[in-house]
Amino acid sequence: MKMRNDRFFKNKHLPFAELRYSQCSKVSFKPHMHRALSVGVVEKGKVLYTINGKKATLAPGSLVIMNPEVLHTCNPANDDERSYYMLHLDTHWCLRVQQSLWKISLFAAPEKNRIDDLPLY
C-alpha cells in the first residue's frame, strides 16, 4: 500500500491559482466550502461527490466545478484509495477574466457543477 501523498503547488507568477494533488488518499472530509472557484478531477479510483443535496460518483474522465461558498463533500468510494487534482482559482481573478469577455459587474458562477467530457478532461 502506498503512503498518502498531498502536494500543493503555488507559483508567484500565477498568484490567483493553487493546485492540490492528493495521491493514494483514503481521507474523508466533513462537508466544507472553499472561497475560491474550484475545479477537480479524479486521476485514479472513484469519489462520492455531494453538492446541493445531489450525490454522484466521479471517476477519471469527469470534471467537477465547485462554486465559491458552496457546501460539498468529495470522499473515497468504498473506502478505496483515490488520487485527484483540485485547482482553486481566486474569484476576483475569475471576475476580471469574465469582464474581459462580457459586460458584468459581479462574478458569474458556472451553472454546471459536473462535466463529463473526456477530451476536456
C-alpha atoms as a PDB file:
ATOM      1  CA  MET A   1       0.000   0.000   0.000  1.00  0.00           C
ATOM      2  CA  LYS A   2       1.300   3.439  -0.942  1.00  0.00           C
ATOM      3  CA  MET A   3       1.526   6.201   1.603  1.00  0.00           C
ATOM      4  CA  ARG A   4      -0.841   9.113   1.272  1.00  0.00           C
ATOM      5  CA  ASN A   5       0.832  11.976  -0.511  1.00  0.00           C
ATOM      6  CA  ASP A   6      -0.579  15.515  -0.680  1.00  0.00           C
ATOM      7  CA  ARG A   7       1.248  18.212  -2.597  1.00  0.00           C
ATOM      8  CA  PHE A   8       0.342  21.866  -3.034  1.00  0.00           C
ATOM      9  CA  PHE A   9       1.626  23.960  -5.914  1.00  0.00           C
ATOM     10  CA  LYS A  10       1.652  27.734  -5.996  1.00  0.00           C
ATOM     11  CA  ASN A  11       3.600  29.916  -8.417  1.00  0.00           C
ATOM     12  CA  LYS A  12       4.460  33.542  -7.692  1.00  0.00           C
ATOM     13  CA  HIS A  13       3.704  34.350 -11.360  1.00  0.00           C
ATOM     14  CA  LEU A  14       0.210  32.845 -11.007  1.00  0.00           C
ATOM     15  CA  PRO A  15      -0.934  34.208  -7.620  1.00  0.00           C
ATOM     16  CA  PHE A  16      -4.605  33.602  -8.492  1.00  0.00           C
ATOM     17  CA  ALA A  17      -4.193  29.810  -8.618  1.00  0.00           C
ATOM     18  CA  GLU A  18      -3.316  26.990  -6.246  1.00  0.00           C
ATOM     19  CA  LEU A  19      -3.197  23.330  -7.227  1.00  0.00           C
ATOM     20  CA  ARG A  20      -3.530  20.408  -4.841  1.00  0.00           C
ATOM     21  CA  TYR A  21      -2.573  16.889  -5.823  1.00  0.00           C
ATOM     22  CA  SER A  22      -3.540  14.049  -3.491  1.00  0.00           C
ATOM     23  CA  GLN A  23      -2.199  10.623  -4.344  1.00  0.00           C
ATOM     24  CA  CYS A  24      -3.469   7.340  -2.903  1.00  0.00           C
ATOM     25  CA  SER A  25      -5.668   9.076  -0.321  1.00  0.00           C
ATOM     26  CA  LYS A  26      -8.385   7.427   1.750  1.00  0.00           C
ATOM     27  CA  VAL A  27      -9.051  10.581   3.762  1.00  0.00           C
ATOM     28  CA  SER A  28     -12.707  11.595   4.132  1.00  0.00           C
ATOM     29  CA  PHE A  29     -13.703  15.213   4.605  1.00  0.00           C
ATOM     30  CA  LYS A  30     -16.628  16.683   6.503  1.00  0.00           C
ATOM     31  CA  PRO A  31     -18.927  18.943   4.459  1.00  0.00           C
ATOM     32  CA  HIS A  32     -16.948  22.093   3.711  1.00  0.00           C
ATOM     33  CA  MET A  33     -16.661  25.125   1.410  1.00  0.00           C
ATOM     34  CA  HIS A  34     -13.901  26.946  -0.431  1.00  0.00           C
ATOM     35  CA  ARG A  35     -13.671  30.689  -1.012  1.00  0.00           C
ATOM     36  CA  ALA A  36     -12.288  30.050  -4.482  1.00  0.00           C
ATOM     37  CA  LEU A  37     -13.806  28.629  -7.649  1.00  0.00           C
ATOM     38  CA  SER A  38     -12.571  25.034  -7.564  1.00  0.00           C
ATOM     39  CA  VAL A  39     -12.146  22.545 -10.394  1.00  0.00           C
ATOM     40  CA  GLY A  40     -11.397  18.931  -9.571  1.00  0.00           C
ATOM     41  CA  VAL A  41     -10.543  15.793 -11.494  1.00  0.00           C
ATOM     42  CA  VAL A  42     -10.114  12.212 -10.321  1.00  0.00           C
ATOM     43  CA  GLU A  43      -6.940  10.634 -11.621  1.00  0.00           C
ATOM     44  CA  LYS A  44      -7.440   7.178 -10.111  1.00  0.00           C
ATOM     45  CA  GLY A  45     -10.240   5.486  -8.188  1.00  0.00           C
ATOM     46  CA  LYS A  46     -13.764   6.711  -7.533  1.00  0.00           C
ATOM     47  CA  VAL A  47     -15.104   9.575  -5.460  1.00  0.00           C
ATOM     48  CA  LEU A  48     -18.516  10.034  -3.866  1.00  0.00           C
ATOM     49  CA  TYR A  49     -19.451  13.636  -4.516  1.00  0.00           C
ATOM     50  CA  THR A  50     -22.260  15.556  -2.812  1.00  0.00           C
ATOM     51  CA  ILE A  51     -23.215  19.122  -3.730  1.00  0.00           C
ATOM     52  CA  ASN A  52     -26.519  20.984  -3.456  1.00  0.00           C
ATOM     53  CA  GLY A  53     -28.107  17.856  -1.964  1.00  0.00           C
ATOM     54  CA  LYS A  54     -27.245  15.767  -5.037  1.00  0.00           C
ATOM     55  CA  LYS A  55     -24.971  12.734  -4.862  1.00  0.00           C
ATOM     56  CA  ALA A  56     -22.890  11.297  -7.668  1.00  0.00           C
ATOM     57  CA  THR A  57     -19.895   9.049  -8.238  1.00  0.00           C
ATOM     58  CA  LEU A  58     -16.941  10.581 -10.018  1.00  0.00           C
ATOM     59  CA  ALA A  59     -14.239   8.647 -11.829  1.00  0.00           C
ATOM     60  CA  PRO A  60     -11.457   9.536 -14.255  1.00  0.00           C
ATOM     61  CA  GLY A  61     -12.946  11.431 -17.195  1.00  0.00           C
ATOM     62  CA  SER A  62     -15.204  13.780 -15.215  1.00  0.00           C
ATOM     63  CA  LEU A  63     -14.563  17.343 -14.104  1.00  0.00           C
ATOM     64  CA  VAL A  64     -16.288  18.781 -11.073  1.00  0.00           C
ATOM     65  CA  ILE A  65     -16.777  22.519 -10.588  1.00  0.00           C
ATOM     66  CA  MET A  66     -17.463  23.893  -7.134  1.00  0.00           C
ATOM     67  CA  ASN A  67     -18.586  27.476  -6.903  1.00  0.00           C
ATOM     68  CA  PRO A  68     -17.271  29.561  -4.025  1.00  0.00           C
ATOM     69  CA  GLU A  69     -19.025  29.142  -0.669  1.00  0.00           C
ATOM     70  CA  VAL A  70     -20.991  26.033  -1.731  1.00  0.00           C
ATOM     71  CA  LEU A  71     -21.160  23.205   0.795  1.00  0.00           C
ATOM     72  CA  HIS A  72     -19.881  19.916  -0.625  1.00  0.00           C
ATOM     73  CA  THR A  73     -18.022  16.673   0.064  1.00  0.00           C
ATOM     74  CA  CYS A  74     -15.724  14.574  -2.101  1.00  0.00           C
ATOM     75  CA  ASN A  75     -14.817  11.336  -0.363  1.00  0.00           C
ATOM     76  CA  PRO A  76     -13.407   7.984  -1.444  1.00  0.00           C
ATOM     77  CA  ALA A  77     -15.911   5.410  -2.659  1.00  0.00           C
ATOM     78  CA  ASN A  78     -15.945   2.135  -0.704  1.00  0.00           C
ATOM     79  CA  ASP A  79     -13.066   3.388   1.457  1.00  0.00           C
ATOM     80  CA  ASP A  80     -10.732   2.789  -1.519  1.00  0.00           C
ATOM     81  CA  GLU A  81      -7.769   4.966  -2.364  1.00  0.00           C
ATOM     82  CA  ARG A  82      -8.223   7.718  -4.877  1.00  0.00           C
ATOM     83  CA  SER A  83      -5.863  10.211  -6.491  1.00  0.00           C
ATOM     84  CA  TYR A  84      -7.106  13.619  -7.588  1.00  0.00           C
ATOM     85  CA  TYR A  85      -6.242  17.165  -8.562  1.00  0.00           C
ATOM     86  CA  MET A  86      -8.049  20.232  -7.220  1.00  0.00           C
ATOM     87  CA  LEU A  87      -7.406  23.640  -8.777  1.00  0.00           C
ATOM     88  CA  HIS A  88      -8.513  26.655  -6.724  1.00  0.00           C
ATOM     89  CA  LEU A  89      -8.945  29.930  -8.656  1.00  0.00           C
ATOM     90  CA  ASP A  90      -9.336  33.310  -6.972  1.00  0.00           C
ATOM     91  CA  THR A  91     -12.816  34.677  -7.719  1.00  0.00           C
ATOM     92  CA  HIS A  92     -11.551  38.255  -8.187  1.00  0.00           C
ATOM     93  CA  TRP A  93      -9.263  36.986 -10.941  1.00  0.00           C
ATOM     94  CA  CYS A  94     -12.136  34.941 -12.423  1.00  0.00           C
ATOM     95  CA  LEU A  95     -14.304  38.074 -12.428  1.00  0.00           C
ATOM     96  CA  ARG A  96     -11.625  40.024 -14.315  1.00  0.00           C
ATOM     97  CA  VAL A  97     -11.467  37.252 -16.919  1.00  0.00           C
ATOM     98  CA  GLN A  98     -15.274  37.289 -17.216  1.00  0.00           C
ATOM     99  CA  GLN A  99     -15.274  41.090 -17.534  1.00  0.00           C
ATOM    100  CA  SER A 100     -12.809  40.815 -20.412  1.00  0.00           C
ATOM    101  CA  LEU A 101     -15.458  38.732 -22.215  1.00  0.00           C
ATOM    102  CA  TRP A 102     -18.793  40.147 -21.065  1.00  0.00           C
ATOM    103  CA  LYS A 103     -20.272  43.298 -19.563  1.00  0.00           C
ATOM    104  CA  ILE A 104     -20.834  42.140 -15.990  1.00  0.00           C
ATOM    105  CA  SER A 105     -20.110  43.647 -12.588  1.00  0.00           C
ATOM    106  CA  LEU A 106     -20.315  40.555 -10.347  1.00  0.00           C
ATOM    107  CA  PHE A 107     -18.715  37.125 -10.602  1.00  0.00           C
ATOM    108  CA  ALA A 108     -20.964  34.840 -12.668  1.00  0.00           C
ATOM    109  CA  ALA A 109     -20.907  31.405 -11.066  1.00  0.00           C
ATOM    110  CA  PRO A 110     -20.937  28.456 -13.501  1.00  0.00           C
ATOM    111  CA  GLU A 111     -24.328  26.742 -13.696  1.00  0.00           C
ATOM    112  CA  LYS A 112     -22.948  23.223 -14.203  1.00  0.00           C
ATOM    113  CA  ASN A 113     -21.080  21.508 -11.422  1.00  0.00           C
ATOM    114  CA  ARG A 114     -20.064  18.439 -13.404  1.00  0.00           C
ATOM    115  CA  ILE A 115     -18.745  17.977 -16.912  1.00  0.00           C
ATOM    116  CA  ASP A 116     -18.332  14.538 -18.453  1.00  0.00           C
ATOM    117  CA  ASP A 117     -16.165  15.241 -21.482  1.00  0.00           C
ATOM    118  CA  LEU A 118     -13.101  13.036 -21.931  1.00  0.00           C
ATOM    119  CA  PRO A 119     -11.234  15.374 -24.329  1.00  0.00           C
ATOM    120  CA  LEU A 120     -11.784  18.337 -21.965  1.00  0.00           C
ATOM    121  CA  TYR A 121     -10.705  16.191 -19.012  1.00  0.00           C
END
